[in-house]
């Protein structure tokens, strides 16, 4: 069983990130954790508005924000592995945190825009590693069984996500942090 779990950067602001990471220590099978960009990505949005630099630069900087969050995640869970290149994911034995490599993500199907955030990149990674499930943990309220297109319209998932989730071949679950933390069984 391979599960890709995206932990949104907002979990840091909500002060539940350490608890979410701790919950993953006992997760069965291989677990690949995708960090959101959080406060680091927020600063890139502000800087782009102020300095008007192009979307390609902002996209690359946002990937660096994910790398910063990956380092933060690793500091909170030192036993988790850290990997950069997707090709190295198969070598991971424990739960592993993805610190995305810019080279891996410079693909024609990955648009350099704010439409493609860590949500879409988590779906992209899930395809690359042949995941069985993609779990997106969010800090906002989410009604169970809400269709993905509705979550996209509400701004819960990014505008590019459905393209990456189309014909996914893996289960996709979008869950609120409180439901994730309070669930006694694994989310499968």
N, C-alpha and C. Protein backbone atom coordinates (compact mmCIF):
# COMPACT_ATOMS: atom_id res chain seq x y z
N UNK A 1 0.85 -1.18 0.00
CA UNK A 1 0.00 0.00 0.00
C UNK A 1 0.90 1.24 0.00
N UNK A 2 0.65 2.13 -0.95
CA UNK A 2 1.37 3.40 -1.04
C UNK A 2 0.36 4.53 -0.89
N UNK A 3 0.60 5.40 0.08
CA UNK A 3 -0.27 6.54 0.31
C UNK A 3 0.54 7.82 0.21
N UNK A 4 0.03 8.77 -0.58
CA UNK A 4 0.61 10.11 -0.64
C UNK A 4 -0.30 11.00 0.19
N UNK A 5 0.30 11.72 1.14
CA UNK A 5 -0.48 12.56 2.04
C UNK A 5 0.06 13.99 1.95
N UNK A 6 -0.81 14.88 1.50
CA UNK A 6 -0.43 16.29 1.42
C UNK A 6 -0.91 16.98 2.69
N UNK A 7 0.04 17.58 3.41
CA UNK A 7 -0.29 18.35 4.60
C UNK A 7 -0.16 19.82 4.26
N UNK A 8 -1.28 20.50 4.24
CA UNK A 8 -1.29 21.90 3.84
C UNK A 8 -0.47 22.78 4.77
N UNK A 9 0.12 23.80 4.19
CA UNK A 9 0.91 24.74 4.97
C UNK A 9 0.09 25.44 6.04
N UNK A 10 -1.22 25.52 5.83
CA UNK A 10 -2.09 26.18 6.82
C UNK A 10 -2.15 25.39 8.12
N UNK A 11 -1.76 24.13 8.10
CA UNK A 11 -1.76 23.32 9.33
C UNK A 11 -0.74 23.87 10.33
N UNK A 12 0.28 24.53 9.81
CA UNK A 12 1.27 25.16 10.68
C UNK A 12 0.64 26.33 11.43
N UNK A 13 -0.08 27.17 10.69
CA UNK A 13 -0.77 28.32 11.30
C UNK A 13 -1.84 27.86 12.28
N UNK A 14 -2.48 26.73 11.97
CA UNK A 14 -3.53 26.20 12.83
C UNK A 14 -2.95 25.45 14.05
N UNK A 15 -1.64 25.36 14.10
CA UNK A 15 -0.91 24.76 15.22
C UNK A 15 -1.19 23.26 15.39
N UNK A 16 -1.53 22.57 14.31
CA UNK A 16 -1.79 21.13 14.39
C UNK A 16 -0.79 20.31 13.57
N UNK A 17 0.14 20.98 12.92
CA UNK A 17 1.10 20.26 12.09
C UNK A 17 1.85 19.18 12.87
N UNK A 18 2.40 19.47 14.06
CA UNK A 18 3.10 18.41 14.78
C UNK A 18 2.20 17.19 15.06
N UNK A 19 0.95 17.43 15.42
CA UNK A 19 0.03 16.32 15.69
C UNK A 19 -0.27 15.52 14.42
N UNK A 20 -0.42 16.21 13.29
CA UNK A 20 -0.67 15.51 12.02
C UNK A 20 0.53 14.65 11.64
N UNK A 21 1.72 15.18 11.79
CA UNK A 21 2.92 14.40 11.49
C UNK A 21 3.04 13.21 12.43
N UNK A 22 2.74 13.41 13.71
CA UNK A 22 2.82 12.32 14.69
C UNK A 22 1.85 11.21 14.33
N UNK A 23 0.67 11.58 13.82
CA UNK A 23 -0.31 10.56 13.43
C UNK A 23 0.22 9.68 12.31
N UNK A 24 1.11 10.22 11.49
CA UNK A 24 1.63 9.46 10.35
C UNK A 24 2.72 8.47 10.75
N UNK A 25 3.20 8.53 11.97
CA UNK A 25 4.26 7.60 12.38
C UNK A 25 3.78 6.15 12.35
N UNK A 26 2.51 5.92 12.59
CA UNK A 26 1.99 4.55 12.60
C UNK A 26 1.21 4.18 11.36
N UNK A 27 1.27 5.00 10.34
CA UNK A 27 0.50 4.74 9.12
C UNK A 27 1.03 3.49 8.43
N UNK A 28 0.16 2.61 7.97
CA UNK A 28 0.63 1.37 7.33
C UNK A 28 1.15 1.61 5.90
N UNK A 29 2.02 0.74 5.45
CA UNK A 29 2.54 0.81 4.09
C UNK A 29 3.52 1.95 3.93
N UNK A 30 3.82 2.25 2.66
CA UNK A 30 4.70 3.38 2.36
C UNK A 30 3.89 4.67 2.38
N UNK A 31 4.44 5.69 3.02
CA UNK A 31 3.77 6.98 3.12
C UNK A 31 4.72 8.05 2.59
N UNK A 32 4.25 8.79 1.60
CA UNK A 32 5.00 9.92 1.06
C UNK A 32 4.25 11.19 1.43
N UNK A 33 4.91 12.07 2.16
CA UNK A 33 4.28 13.28 2.67
C UNK A 33 4.67 14.46 1.79
N UNK A 34 3.66 15.18 1.32
CA UNK A 34 3.88 16.36 0.48
C UNK A 34 3.56 17.60 1.30
N UNK A 35 4.55 18.47 1.51
CA UNK A 35 4.28 19.69 2.28
C UNK A 35 3.69 20.79 1.40
N UNK A 36 2.75 21.52 1.96
CA UNK A 36 2.30 22.74 1.30
C UNK A 36 3.37 23.81 1.49
N UNK A 37 3.21 24.92 0.83
CA UNK A 37 4.20 25.99 0.92
C UNK A 37 4.00 26.90 2.12
N UNK A 38 2.79 26.90 2.67
CA UNK A 38 2.50 27.66 3.88
C UNK A 38 2.88 29.13 3.81
N UNK A 39 3.39 29.61 4.93
CA UNK A 39 3.73 31.03 5.05
C UNK A 39 4.81 31.44 4.05
N UNK A 40 5.65 30.49 3.66
CA UNK A 40 6.70 30.80 2.69
C UNK A 40 6.08 31.11 1.32
N UNK A 41 5.10 30.32 0.91
CA UNK A 41 4.40 30.57 -0.36
C UNK A 41 3.58 31.86 -0.28
N UNK A 42 2.99 32.12 0.88
CA UNK A 42 2.22 33.36 1.05
C UNK A 42 3.10 34.58 0.78
N UNK A 43 4.34 34.54 1.25
CA UNK A 43 5.26 35.66 1.04
C UNK A 43 5.62 35.83 -0.44
N UNK A 44 5.65 34.72 -1.17
CA UNK A 44 5.93 34.79 -2.61
C UNK A 44 4.77 35.49 -3.32
N UNK A 45 3.55 35.17 -2.93
CA UNK A 45 2.39 35.84 -3.53
C UNK A 45 2.45 37.35 -3.31
N UNK A 46 2.79 37.74 -2.09
CA UNK A 46 2.91 39.16 -1.75
C UNK A 46 4.01 39.81 -2.58
N UNK A 47 5.16 39.15 -2.64
CA UNK A 47 6.30 39.71 -3.39
C UNK A 47 5.98 39.81 -4.87
N UNK A 48 5.27 38.83 -5.42
CA UNK A 48 4.92 38.89 -6.85
C UNK A 48 3.99 40.06 -7.13
N UNK A 49 3.04 40.31 -6.25
CA UNK A 49 2.16 41.47 -6.42
C UNK A 49 2.95 42.77 -6.36
N UNK A 50 3.88 42.83 -5.43
CA UNK A 50 4.66 44.05 -5.26
C UNK A 50 5.64 44.27 -6.40
N UNK A 51 6.34 43.24 -6.84
CA UNK A 51 7.43 43.38 -7.81
C UNK A 51 7.06 42.95 -9.21
N UNK A 52 5.88 42.36 -9.38
CA UNK A 52 5.36 41.99 -10.70
C UNK A 52 6.29 41.04 -11.48
N UNK A 53 6.97 40.13 -10.79
CA UNK A 53 7.78 39.15 -11.52
C UNK A 53 6.89 38.07 -12.11
N UNK A 54 7.40 37.38 -13.10
CA UNK A 54 6.59 36.45 -13.90
C UNK A 54 6.20 35.19 -13.13
N UNK A 55 5.21 34.47 -13.69
CA UNK A 55 4.68 33.27 -13.04
C UNK A 55 5.70 32.13 -12.98
N UNK A 56 6.58 32.04 -13.96
CA UNK A 56 7.59 30.98 -13.92
C UNK A 56 8.50 31.17 -12.70
N UNK A 57 8.91 32.41 -12.46
CA UNK A 57 9.74 32.70 -11.28
C UNK A 57 8.97 32.41 -10.00
N UNK A 58 7.71 32.84 -9.94
CA UNK A 58 6.88 32.60 -8.76
C UNK A 58 6.69 31.10 -8.53
N UNK A 59 6.48 30.33 -9.61
CA UNK A 59 6.30 28.88 -9.50
C UNK A 59 7.56 28.23 -8.92
N UNK A 60 8.70 28.61 -9.44
CA UNK A 60 9.96 28.05 -8.94
C UNK A 60 10.19 28.43 -7.48
N UNK A 61 9.86 29.66 -7.14
CA UNK A 61 10.00 30.09 -5.75
C UNK A 61 9.04 29.33 -4.84
N UNK A 62 7.83 29.03 -5.33
CA UNK A 62 6.85 28.27 -4.55
C UNK A 62 7.33 26.84 -4.30
N UNK A 63 8.03 26.27 -5.26
CA UNK A 63 8.61 24.94 -5.05
C UNK A 63 9.68 25.02 -3.97
N UNK A 64 10.45 26.11 -3.98
CA UNK A 64 11.43 26.32 -2.90
C UNK A 64 10.73 26.47 -1.55
N UNK A 65 9.55 27.08 -1.54
CA UNK A 65 8.76 27.19 -0.31
C UNK A 65 8.37 25.80 0.20
N UNK A 66 8.00 24.91 -0.72
CA UNK A 66 7.70 23.53 -0.33
C UNK A 66 8.94 22.85 0.25
N UNK A 67 10.11 23.16 -0.33
CA UNK A 67 11.35 22.59 0.20
C UNK A 67 11.61 23.09 1.62
N UNK A 68 11.34 24.37 1.86
CA UNK A 68 11.51 24.91 3.22
C UNK A 68 10.58 24.21 4.20
N UNK A 69 9.33 24.01 3.78
CA UNK A 69 8.38 23.32 4.65
C UNK A 69 8.82 21.87 4.88
N UNK A 70 9.39 21.23 3.85
CA UNK A 70 9.88 19.85 4.01
C UNK A 70 10.95 19.80 5.09
N UNK A 71 11.83 20.78 5.11
CA UNK A 71 12.86 20.83 6.16
C UNK A 71 12.23 21.04 7.54
N UNK A 72 11.20 21.87 7.59
CA UNK A 72 10.49 22.08 8.85
C UNK A 72 9.83 20.78 9.31
N UNK A 73 9.15 20.08 8.38
CA UNK A 73 8.52 18.79 8.69
C UNK A 73 9.56 17.82 9.25
N UNK A 74 10.71 17.75 8.58
CA UNK A 74 11.78 16.83 8.99
C UNK A 74 12.28 17.18 10.39
N UNK A 75 12.36 18.47 10.70
CA UNK A 75 12.81 18.86 12.04
C UNK A 75 11.80 18.44 13.11
N UNK A 76 10.52 18.40 12.75
CA UNK A 76 9.48 17.99 13.69
C UNK A 76 9.38 16.47 13.82
N UNK A 77 9.79 15.77 12.77
CA UNK A 77 9.78 14.29 12.77
C UNK A 77 11.11 13.79 12.23
N UNK A 78 12.17 13.85 13.00
CA UNK A 78 13.51 13.49 12.52
C UNK A 78 13.63 12.06 12.01
N UNK A 79 12.76 11.16 12.46
CA UNK A 79 12.84 9.77 12.00
C UNK A 79 12.32 9.58 10.58
N UNK A 80 11.55 10.55 10.08
CA UNK A 80 11.05 10.44 8.72
C UNK A 80 12.21 10.68 7.75
N UNK A 81 12.16 9.98 6.63
CA UNK A 81 13.17 10.19 5.60
C UNK A 81 12.81 11.43 4.79
N UNK A 82 13.79 11.96 4.08
CA UNK A 82 13.59 13.11 3.21
C UNK A 82 14.12 12.73 1.84
N UNK A 83 13.31 12.95 0.80
CA UNK A 83 13.78 12.66 -0.55
C UNK A 83 13.43 13.83 -1.45
N UNK A 84 14.27 14.03 -2.46
CA UNK A 84 14.06 15.15 -3.39
C UNK A 84 13.56 14.66 -4.74
N UNK A 85 14.30 13.77 -5.36
CA UNK A 85 13.93 13.31 -6.69
C UNK A 85 12.93 12.16 -6.59
N UNK A 86 11.94 12.19 -7.45
CA UNK A 86 10.90 11.17 -7.44
C UNK A 86 11.51 9.78 -7.60
N UNK A 87 12.56 9.66 -8.40
CA UNK A 87 13.21 8.37 -8.61
C UNK A 87 13.73 7.77 -7.31
N UNK A 88 14.00 8.59 -6.30
CA UNK A 88 14.51 8.11 -5.02
C UNK A 88 13.41 7.65 -4.07
N UNK A 89 12.16 7.90 -4.40
CA UNK A 89 11.04 7.56 -3.52
C UNK A 89 11.00 6.06 -3.23
N UNK A 90 11.29 5.25 -4.23
CA UNK A 90 11.25 3.81 -4.05
C UNK A 90 12.25 3.29 -3.06
N UNK A 91 13.31 4.05 -2.81
CA UNK A 91 14.34 3.63 -1.85
C UNK A 91 13.94 3.89 -0.40
N UNK A 92 12.90 4.68 -0.19
CA UNK A 92 12.49 5.03 1.16
C UNK A 92 11.82 3.85 1.84
N UNK A 93 12.17 3.64 3.10
CA UNK A 93 11.62 2.52 3.87
C UNK A 93 10.55 3.02 4.83
N UNK A 94 10.82 4.13 5.49
CA UNK A 94 9.90 4.70 6.47
C UNK A 94 9.01 5.74 5.78
N UNK A 95 8.22 6.40 6.61
CA UNK A 95 7.48 7.55 6.09
C UNK A 95 8.51 8.54 5.56
N UNK A 96 8.24 9.12 4.40
CA UNK A 96 9.21 10.00 3.77
C UNK A 96 8.55 11.31 3.35
N UNK A 97 9.30 12.38 3.52
CA UNK A 97 8.84 13.73 3.18
C UNK A 97 9.46 14.12 1.85
N UNK A 98 8.61 14.57 0.93
CA UNK A 98 9.08 14.98 -0.39
C UNK A 98 9.50 16.44 -0.35
N UNK A 99 10.75 16.68 -0.69
CA UNK A 99 11.27 18.04 -0.87
C UNK A 99 11.48 18.18 -2.38
N UNK A 100 10.47 18.65 -3.10
CA UNK A 100 10.46 18.54 -4.56
C UNK A 100 11.66 19.18 -5.26
N UNK A 101 12.16 18.45 -6.21
CA UNK A 101 13.29 18.89 -7.03
C UNK A 101 12.76 19.70 -8.22
N UNK A 102 13.28 20.89 -8.41
CA UNK A 102 12.85 21.74 -9.52
C UNK A 102 12.95 21.02 -10.86
N UNK A 103 14.03 20.30 -11.06
CA UNK A 103 14.23 19.60 -12.35
C UNK A 103 13.11 18.61 -12.62
N UNK A 104 12.70 17.85 -11.60
CA UNK A 104 11.63 16.87 -11.77
C UNK A 104 10.33 17.54 -12.20
N UNK A 105 10.10 18.76 -11.73
CA UNK A 105 8.81 19.41 -11.96
C UNK A 105 8.77 20.31 -13.18
N UNK A 106 9.86 20.42 -13.88
CA UNK A 106 9.83 21.22 -15.11
C UNK A 106 9.40 20.32 -16.25
N UNK A 107 8.10 20.02 -16.24
CA UNK A 107 7.45 19.13 -17.20
C UNK A 107 6.40 19.93 -17.97
N UNK A 108 6.16 19.55 -19.22
CA UNK A 108 5.15 20.29 -20.01
C UNK A 108 3.75 20.25 -19.40
N UNK A 109 3.41 19.20 -18.65
CA UNK A 109 2.06 19.10 -18.09
C UNK A 109 1.93 19.81 -16.73
N UNK A 110 3.02 20.40 -16.23
CA UNK A 110 2.96 21.13 -14.97
C UNK A 110 3.09 22.62 -15.27
N UNK A 111 1.95 23.29 -15.25
CA UNK A 111 1.93 24.72 -15.58
C UNK A 111 2.62 25.53 -14.48
N UNK A 112 3.37 26.51 -14.91
CA UNK A 112 4.04 27.41 -13.97
C UNK A 112 3.08 28.56 -13.66
N UNK A 113 2.11 28.27 -12.79
CA UNK A 113 1.13 29.28 -12.39
C UNK A 113 0.59 28.92 -11.02
N UNK A 114 -0.15 29.85 -10.44
CA UNK A 114 -0.75 29.60 -9.13
C UNK A 114 -1.92 28.63 -9.22
N UNK A 115 -2.31 28.23 -10.45
CA UNK A 115 -3.34 27.19 -10.61
C UNK A 115 -2.82 25.84 -10.17
N UNK A 116 -1.50 25.67 -10.19
CA UNK A 116 -0.86 24.41 -9.82
C UNK A 116 -0.08 24.65 -8.53
N UNK A 117 -0.67 24.21 -7.42
CA UNK A 117 -0.01 24.35 -6.12
C UNK A 117 0.37 22.96 -5.61
N UNK A 118 0.68 22.86 -4.34
CA UNK A 118 1.08 21.58 -3.77
C UNK A 118 -0.03 20.54 -3.84
N UNK A 119 -1.30 20.95 -3.96
CA UNK A 119 -2.39 19.98 -4.16
C UNK A 119 -2.17 19.21 -5.46
N UNK A 120 -2.02 19.97 -6.54
CA UNK A 120 -1.80 19.34 -7.86
C UNK A 120 -0.50 18.55 -7.88
N UNK A 121 0.53 19.10 -7.25
CA UNK A 121 1.82 18.40 -7.25
C UNK A 121 1.75 17.11 -6.44
N UNK A 122 0.91 17.08 -5.41
CA UNK A 122 0.70 15.83 -4.66
C UNK A 122 0.03 14.79 -5.56
N UNK A 123 -0.95 15.21 -6.36
CA UNK A 123 -1.59 14.27 -7.30
C UNK A 123 -0.60 13.81 -8.35
N UNK A 124 0.25 14.72 -8.81
CA UNK A 124 1.29 14.35 -9.78
C UNK A 124 2.23 13.31 -9.18
N UNK A 125 2.67 13.55 -7.94
CA UNK A 125 3.55 12.60 -7.27
C UNK A 125 2.86 11.25 -7.09
N UNK A 126 1.58 11.28 -6.71
CA UNK A 126 0.84 10.03 -6.51
C UNK A 126 0.83 9.19 -7.79
N UNK A 127 0.70 9.84 -8.92
CA UNK A 127 0.78 9.11 -10.20
C UNK A 127 2.18 8.54 -10.42
N UNK A 128 3.20 9.33 -10.13
CA UNK A 128 4.58 8.91 -10.38
C UNK A 128 4.97 7.69 -9.54
N UNK A 129 4.46 7.60 -8.31
CA UNK A 129 4.83 6.50 -7.41
C UNK A 129 3.79 5.38 -7.41
N UNK A 130 2.81 5.47 -8.30
CA UNK A 130 1.73 4.46 -8.39
C UNK A 130 1.05 4.27 -7.04
N UNK A 131 0.62 5.38 -6.47
CA UNK A 131 -0.03 5.35 -5.16
C UNK A 131 -1.38 4.65 -5.23
N UNK A 132 -1.78 4.13 -4.08
CA UNK A 132 -3.11 3.55 -3.94
C UNK A 132 -4.11 4.60 -3.47
N UNK A 133 -3.58 5.61 -2.76
CA UNK A 133 -4.45 6.65 -2.24
C UNK A 133 -3.71 7.97 -2.14
N UNK A 134 -4.45 9.05 -2.38
CA UNK A 134 -3.98 10.42 -2.15
C UNK A 134 -4.90 11.03 -1.11
N UNK A 135 -4.30 11.53 -0.05
CA UNK A 135 -5.05 12.14 1.04
C UNK A 135 -4.60 13.58 1.18
N UNK A 136 -5.54 14.52 1.04
CA UNK A 136 -5.24 15.95 1.22
C UNK A 136 -5.82 16.39 2.55
N UNK A 137 -4.95 16.78 3.48
CA UNK A 137 -5.41 17.22 4.81
C UNK A 137 -5.42 18.75 4.80
N UNK A 138 -6.61 19.30 5.07
CA UNK A 138 -6.83 20.75 4.99
C UNK A 138 -7.25 21.30 6.35
N UNK A 139 -7.03 22.59 6.55
CA UNK A 139 -7.45 23.21 7.81
C UNK A 139 -8.88 23.76 7.74
N UNK A 140 -9.42 23.92 6.55
CA UNK A 140 -10.78 24.47 6.41
C UNK A 140 -11.83 23.37 6.60
N UNK A 141 -13.07 23.76 6.94
CA UNK A 141 -14.14 22.77 7.07
C UNK A 141 -14.44 22.12 5.72
N UNK A 142 -14.69 20.82 5.74
CA UNK A 142 -15.00 20.07 4.52
C UNK A 142 -16.13 19.10 4.82
N UNK A 143 -17.17 19.20 4.04
CA UNK A 143 -18.27 18.26 4.18
C UNK A 143 -17.84 16.92 3.58
N UNK A 144 -18.05 15.82 4.31
CA UNK A 144 -17.69 14.51 3.76
C UNK A 144 -18.41 14.26 2.42
N UNK A 145 -17.72 13.58 1.55
CA UNK A 145 -18.25 13.18 0.23
C UNK A 145 -18.51 14.35 -0.71
N UNK A 146 -17.95 15.52 -0.43
CA UNK A 146 -18.11 16.65 -1.35
C UNK A 146 -17.33 16.35 -2.62
N UNK A 147 -17.97 16.46 -3.79
CA UNK A 147 -17.26 16.17 -5.05
C UNK A 147 -16.06 17.10 -5.25
N UNK A 148 -15.04 16.56 -5.91
CA UNK A 148 -13.81 17.32 -6.13
C UNK A 148 -14.05 18.62 -6.90
N UNK A 149 -14.95 18.58 -7.90
CA UNK A 149 -15.20 19.80 -8.67
C UNK A 149 -15.81 20.90 -7.80
N UNK A 150 -16.63 20.50 -6.83
CA UNK A 150 -17.21 21.48 -5.91
C UNK A 150 -16.13 22.03 -4.97
N UNK A 151 -15.23 21.15 -4.49
CA UNK A 151 -14.13 21.62 -3.64
C UNK A 151 -13.23 22.59 -4.40
N UNK A 152 -13.08 22.33 -5.70
CA UNK A 152 -12.28 23.23 -6.53
C UNK A 152 -12.98 24.59 -6.66
N UNK A 153 -14.28 24.58 -6.91
CA UNK A 153 -15.05 25.83 -7.02
C UNK A 153 -15.01 26.63 -5.72
N UNK A 154 -14.96 25.93 -4.59
CA UNK A 154 -14.91 26.59 -3.28
C UNK A 154 -13.50 27.09 -2.94
N UNK A 155 -12.53 26.73 -3.75
CA UNK A 155 -11.15 27.14 -3.49
C UNK A 155 -10.44 26.28 -2.46
N UNK A 156 -11.02 25.13 -2.13
CA UNK A 156 -10.40 24.22 -1.16
C UNK A 156 -9.21 23.51 -1.80
N UNK A 157 -9.35 23.13 -3.06
CA UNK A 157 -8.24 22.55 -3.82
C UNK A 157 -7.95 23.49 -4.99
N UNK A 158 -6.73 23.42 -5.50
CA UNK A 158 -6.32 24.38 -6.52
C UNK A 158 -6.99 24.16 -7.87
N UNK A 159 -6.92 25.16 -8.71
CA UNK A 159 -7.61 25.17 -10.00
C UNK A 159 -7.09 24.11 -10.97
N UNK A 160 -5.86 23.66 -10.80
CA UNK A 160 -5.30 22.65 -11.70
C UNK A 160 -5.49 21.22 -11.24
N UNK A 161 -6.03 21.04 -10.04
CA UNK A 161 -6.07 19.71 -9.43
C UNK A 161 -6.82 18.67 -10.25
N UNK A 162 -7.98 19.03 -10.77
CA UNK A 162 -8.80 18.05 -11.48
C UNK A 162 -8.08 17.46 -12.69
N UNK A 163 -7.25 18.27 -13.34
CA UNK A 163 -6.47 17.77 -14.47
C UNK A 163 -5.52 16.66 -14.01
N UNK A 164 -4.90 16.85 -12.87
CA UNK A 164 -3.96 15.86 -12.35
C UNK A 164 -4.68 14.66 -11.75
N UNK A 165 -5.90 14.87 -11.25
CA UNK A 165 -6.67 13.79 -10.63
C UNK A 165 -7.46 12.98 -11.66
N UNK A 166 -7.62 13.51 -12.86
CA UNK A 166 -8.37 12.83 -13.91
C UNK A 166 -7.75 11.47 -14.19
N UNK A 167 -8.58 10.45 -14.18
CA UNK A 167 -8.14 9.08 -14.42
C UNK A 167 -6.97 8.71 -13.51
N UNK A 168 -7.10 9.07 -12.25
CA UNK A 168 -6.01 8.92 -11.29
C UNK A 168 -5.60 7.47 -11.06
N UNK A 169 -6.54 6.57 -10.96
CA UNK A 169 -6.19 5.20 -10.65
C UNK A 169 -5.92 4.99 -9.16
N UNK A 170 -6.15 6.01 -8.35
CA UNK A 170 -6.00 5.89 -6.90
C UNK A 170 -7.15 6.64 -6.24
N UNK A 171 -7.46 6.24 -5.02
CA UNK A 171 -8.52 6.89 -4.26
C UNK A 171 -8.05 8.27 -3.83
N UNK A 172 -8.93 9.25 -3.89
CA UNK A 172 -8.62 10.62 -3.46
C UNK A 172 -9.57 11.00 -2.33
N UNK A 173 -8.98 11.41 -1.21
CA UNK A 173 -9.77 11.85 -0.06
C UNK A 173 -9.28 13.24 0.35
N UNK A 174 -10.23 14.16 0.51
CA UNK A 174 -9.92 15.49 1.03
C UNK A 174 -10.60 15.56 2.39
N UNK A 175 -9.80 15.84 3.42
CA UNK A 175 -10.31 15.74 4.79
C UNK A 175 -9.85 16.93 5.62
N UNK A 176 -10.71 17.34 6.52
CA UNK A 176 -10.38 18.40 7.47
C UNK A 176 -9.42 17.87 8.52
N UNK A 177 -8.54 18.71 9.00
CA UNK A 177 -7.51 18.35 9.99
C UNK A 177 -8.10 17.71 11.24
N UNK A 178 -9.23 18.24 11.72
CA UNK A 178 -9.83 17.71 12.95
C UNK A 178 -10.35 16.30 12.74
N UNK A 179 -10.98 16.06 11.59
CA UNK A 179 -11.46 14.71 11.26
C UNK A 179 -10.28 13.76 11.10
N UNK A 180 -9.22 14.24 10.48
CA UNK A 180 -8.02 13.42 10.30
C UNK A 180 -7.44 13.03 11.65
N UNK A 181 -7.29 14.01 12.53
CA UNK A 181 -6.67 13.75 13.83
C UNK A 181 -7.56 12.91 14.75
N UNK A 182 -8.87 13.05 14.63
CA UNK A 182 -9.77 12.32 15.53
C UNK A 182 -10.12 10.92 15.02
N UNK A 183 -9.82 10.62 13.79
CA UNK A 183 -10.15 9.30 13.26
C UNK A 183 -9.27 8.26 13.92
N UNK A 184 -9.91 7.23 14.47
CA UNK A 184 -9.16 6.17 15.15
C UNK A 184 -8.61 5.17 14.15
N UNK A 185 -9.36 4.92 13.11
CA UNK A 185 -8.89 4.00 12.06
C UNK A 185 -8.11 4.79 11.03
N UNK A 186 -7.31 4.10 10.28
CA UNK A 186 -6.60 4.76 9.18
C UNK A 186 -7.60 5.14 8.11
N UNK A 187 -7.33 6.18 7.38
CA UNK A 187 -8.23 6.67 6.33
C UNK A 187 -7.93 5.88 5.06
N UNK A 188 -8.71 4.88 4.78
CA UNK A 188 -8.52 4.11 3.54
C UNK A 188 -9.86 3.74 2.97
